[in-house]
Amino acid sequence: MKNNLVALSIFCFAVCFVIGSWLISDGLREKQTNPIKQTSQHQLLTQSELADYLGISIEEVQKLNRFDNGTNSYRSLLPHIKIENAVYYPKVAIDKWIQNVERLVIQ
């Protein structure tokens, strides 16, 4: 009787091992066919996406876009690309800009 229990235990272990391996391989295969969303994200951000990315409000992003340079004109502190009337912010350039800004006070 004891030999039968050992054999049954080994058989159950083998079945569980095979099922677990199949589930793991199936999960890995699914990740390969459906790429992670983060790698397919676009690199140009709109104003609202930039606000979400930086964790600030849209009004604060607008203040950074309209910085008075003292000559009765405005310039943007943020690196941007303008295509016709649409303004986009390159994510890589924004990251570099954040690293280079030591102190910035805008009212």
C-alpha atoms as a PDB file:
ATOM      1  CA  MET A   1       0.000   0.000   0.000  1.00  0.00           C
ATOM      2  CA  LYS A   2       2.833   2.360   0.882  1.00  0.00           C
ATOM      3  CA  ASN A   3       4.488   1.734  -2.515  1.00  0.00           C
ATOM      4  CA  ASN A   4       1.260   2.621  -4.286  1.00  0.00           C
ATOM      5  CA  LEU A   5       1.045   5.962  -2.417  1.00  0.00           C
ATOM      6  CA  VAL A   6       4.629   6.863  -3.355  1.00  0.00           C
ATOM      7  CA  ALA A   7       3.957   6.014  -6.997  1.00  0.00           C
ATOM      8  CA  LEU A   8       0.707   8.013  -6.947  1.00  0.00           C
ATOM      9  CA  SER A   9       2.496  10.990  -5.370  1.00  0.00           C
ATOM     10  CA  ILE A  10       5.237  10.906  -8.014  1.00  0.00           C
ATOM     11  CA  PHE A  11       2.626  10.694 -10.758  1.00  0.00           C
ATOM     12  CA  CYS A  12       0.654  13.661  -9.323  1.00  0.00           C
ATOM     13  CA  PHE A  13       3.881  15.671  -9.033  1.00  0.00           C
ATOM     14  CA  ALA A  14       4.764  14.927 -12.671  1.00  0.00           C
ATOM     15  CA  VAL A  15       1.294  15.925 -13.895  1.00  0.00           C
ATOM     16  CA  CYS A  16       1.422  19.187 -11.904  1.00  0.00           C
ATOM     17  CA  PHE A  17       4.922  19.894 -13.229  1.00  0.00           C
ATOM     18  CA  VAL A  18       3.808  19.411 -16.837  1.00  0.00           C
ATOM     19  CA  ILE A  19       0.694  21.577 -16.390  1.00  0.00           C
ATOM     20  CA  GLY A  20       2.701  24.331 -14.652  1.00  0.00           C
ATOM     21  CA  SER A  21       5.310  24.311 -17.412  1.00  0.00           C
ATOM     22  CA  TRP A  22       2.602  24.539 -20.041  1.00  0.00           C
ATOM     23  CA  LEU A  23       0.945  27.510 -18.283  1.00  0.00           C
ATOM     24  CA  ILE A  24       4.265  29.350 -17.950  1.00  0.00           C
ATOM     25  CA  SER A  25       5.210  28.781 -21.588  1.00  0.00           C
ATOM     26  CA  ASP A  26       1.738  29.891 -22.698  1.00  0.00           C
ATOM     27  CA  GLY A  27       2.090  33.104 -20.671  1.00  0.00           C
ATOM     28  CA  LEU A  28       5.520  33.813 -22.158  1.00  0.00           C
ATOM     29  CA  ARG A  29       4.242  33.193 -25.671  1.00  0.00           C
ATOM     30  CA  GLU A  30       1.382  35.659 -25.102  1.00  0.00           C
ATOM     31  CA  LYS A  31       3.827  38.398 -24.035  1.00  0.00           C
ATOM     32  CA  GLN A  32       5.860  37.848 -27.185  1.00  0.00           C
ATOM     33  CA  THR A  33       2.847  38.146 -29.495  1.00  0.00           C
ATOM     34  CA  ASN A  34       1.385  41.158 -27.641  1.00  0.00           C
ATOM     35  CA  PRO A  35       4.248  43.620 -27.113  1.00  0.00           C
ATOM     36  CA  ILE A  36       4.156  45.673 -23.953  1.00  0.00           C
ATOM     37  CA  LYS A  37       2.288  48.929 -24.435  1.00  0.00           C
ATOM     38  CA  GLN A  38       5.172  50.937 -23.037  1.00  0.00           C
ATOM     39  CA  THR A  39       7.498  49.991 -25.889  1.00  0.00           C
ATOM     40  CA  SER A  40       4.924  51.044 -28.474  1.00  0.00           C
ATOM     41  CA  GLN A  41       4.089  54.387 -26.879  1.00  0.00           C
ATOM     42  CA  HIS A  42       4.563  57.382 -29.081  1.00  0.00           C
ATOM     43  CA  GLN A  43       7.482  59.683 -28.406  1.00  0.00           C
ATOM     44  CA  LEU A  44       5.678  62.990 -29.058  1.00  0.00           C
ATOM     45  CA  LEU A  45       3.332  64.156 -26.324  1.00  0.00           C
ATOM     46  CA  THR A  46       0.402  66.541 -26.597  1.00  0.00           C
ATOM     47  CA  GLN A  47      -0.087  69.243 -23.980  1.00  0.00           C
ATOM     48  CA  SER A  48      -2.481  67.140 -21.891  1.00  0.00           C
ATOM     49  CA  GLU A  49      -0.231  64.056 -22.172  1.00  0.00           C
ATOM     50  CA  LEU A  50       2.725  66.200 -21.087  1.00  0.00           C
ATOM     51  CA  ALA A  51       0.779  67.427 -18.060  1.00  0.00           C
ATOM     52  CA  ASP A  52       0.028  63.812 -17.094  1.00  0.00           C
ATOM     53  CA  TYR A  53       3.635  62.777 -17.757  1.00  0.00           C
ATOM     54  CA  LEU A  54       5.044  65.564 -15.570  1.00  0.00           C
ATOM     55  CA  GLY A  55       2.328  65.253 -12.939  1.00  0.00           C
ATOM     56  CA  ILE A  56       1.257  68.898 -13.200  1.00  0.00           C
ATOM     57  CA  SER A  57      -1.877  70.662 -14.415  1.00  0.00           C
ATOM     58  CA  ILE A  58      -2.457  71.836 -17.973  1.00  0.00           C
ATOM     59  CA  GLU A  59      -2.435  75.439 -16.713  1.00  0.00           C
ATOM     60  CA  GLU A  60       1.087  74.932 -15.343  1.00  0.00           C
ATOM     61  CA  VAL A  61       2.216  73.511 -18.687  1.00  0.00           C
ATOM     62  CA  GLN A  62       0.735  76.588 -20.382  1.00  0.00           C
ATOM     63  CA  LYS A  63       2.719  78.832 -18.010  1.00  0.00           C
ATOM     64  CA  LEU A  64       5.903  77.025 -19.020  1.00  0.00           C
ATOM     65  CA  ASN A  65       4.978  77.583 -22.659  1.00  0.00           C
ATOM     66  CA  ARG A  66       4.472  81.336 -22.268  1.00  0.00           C
ATOM     67  CA  PHE A  67       7.547  82.618 -20.439  1.00  0.00           C
ATOM     68  CA  ASP A  68       8.107  86.368 -20.767  1.00  0.00           C
ATOM     69  CA  ASN A  69      11.637  86.975 -22.015  1.00  0.00           C
ATOM     70  CA  GLY A  70      11.542  90.699 -21.191  1.00  0.00           C
ATOM     71  CA  THR A  71      11.135  92.090 -24.711  1.00  0.00           C
ATOM     72  CA  ASN A  72       7.340  92.128 -24.742  1.00  0.00           C
ATOM     73  CA  SER A  73       7.356  88.705 -26.364  1.00  0.00           C
ATOM     74  CA  TYR A  74       7.011  85.215 -25.061  1.00  0.00           C
ATOM     75  CA  ARG A  75       9.011  82.078 -25.539  1.00  0.00           C
ATOM     76  CA  SER A  76       8.605  78.509 -24.385  1.00  0.00           C
ATOM     77  CA  LEU A  77      10.841  76.976 -21.753  1.00  0.00           C
ATOM     78  CA  LEU A  78       9.849  73.516 -22.894  1.00  0.00           C
ATOM     79  CA  PRO A  79      11.429  71.846 -25.922  1.00  0.00           C
ATOM     80  CA  HIS A  80       8.696  71.430 -28.498  1.00  0.00           C
ATOM     81  CA  ILE A  81       7.917  70.747 -32.128  1.00  0.00           C
ATOM     82  CA  LYS A  82       5.256  72.749 -33.907  1.00  0.00           C
ATOM     83  CA  ILE A  83       3.491  71.177 -36.881  1.00  0.00           C
ATOM     84  CA  GLU A  84       1.094  73.698 -38.391  1.00  0.00           C
ATOM     85  CA  ASN A  85      -1.015  74.723 -35.361  1.00  0.00           C
ATOM     86  CA  ALA A  86      -0.308  71.603 -33.287  1.00  0.00           C
ATOM     87  CA  VAL A  87       2.454  71.604 -30.664  1.00  0.00           C
ATOM     88  CA  TYR A  88       4.138  68.365 -29.623  1.00  0.00           C
ATOM     89  CA  TYR A  89       6.724  67.729 -26.928  1.00  0.00           C
ATOM     90  CA  PRO A  90       9.439  65.105 -27.527  1.00  0.00           C
ATOM     91  CA  LYS A  91       9.575  62.854 -24.484  1.00  0.00           C
ATOM     92  CA  VAL A  92      13.367  62.413 -24.665  1.00  0.00           C
ATOM     93  CA  ALA A  93      13.943  66.184 -24.874  1.00  0.00           C
ATOM     94  CA  ILE A  94      11.575  66.781 -21.947  1.00  0.00           C
ATOM     95  CA  ASP A  95      13.509  64.248 -19.845  1.00  0.00           C
ATOM     96  CA  LYS A  96      16.807  65.996 -20.666  1.00  0.00           C
ATOM     97  CA  TRP A  97      15.256  69.397 -19.920  1.00  0.00           C
ATOM     98  CA  ILE A  98      14.094  68.191 -16.499  1.00  0.00           C
ATOM     99  CA  GLN A  99      17.584  66.921 -15.667  1.00  0.00           C
ATOM    100  CA  ASN A 100      19.186  70.250 -16.654  1.00  0.00           C
ATOM    101  CA  VAL A 101      16.754  72.562 -14.815  1.00  0.00           C
ATOM    102  CA  GLU A 102      18.167  73.400 -11.404  1.00  0.00           C
ATOM    103  CA  ARG A 103      15.663  75.943 -10.190  1.00  0.00           C
ATOM    104  CA  LEU A 104      12.740  77.508 -11.984  1.00  0.00           C
ATOM    105  CA  VAL A 105      10.185  79.887 -10.490  1.00  0.00           C
ATOM    106  CA  ILE A 106       7.202  80.938 -12.595  1.00  0.00           C
ATOM    107  CA  GLN A 107       4.320  82.955 -11.252  1.00  0.00           C
END
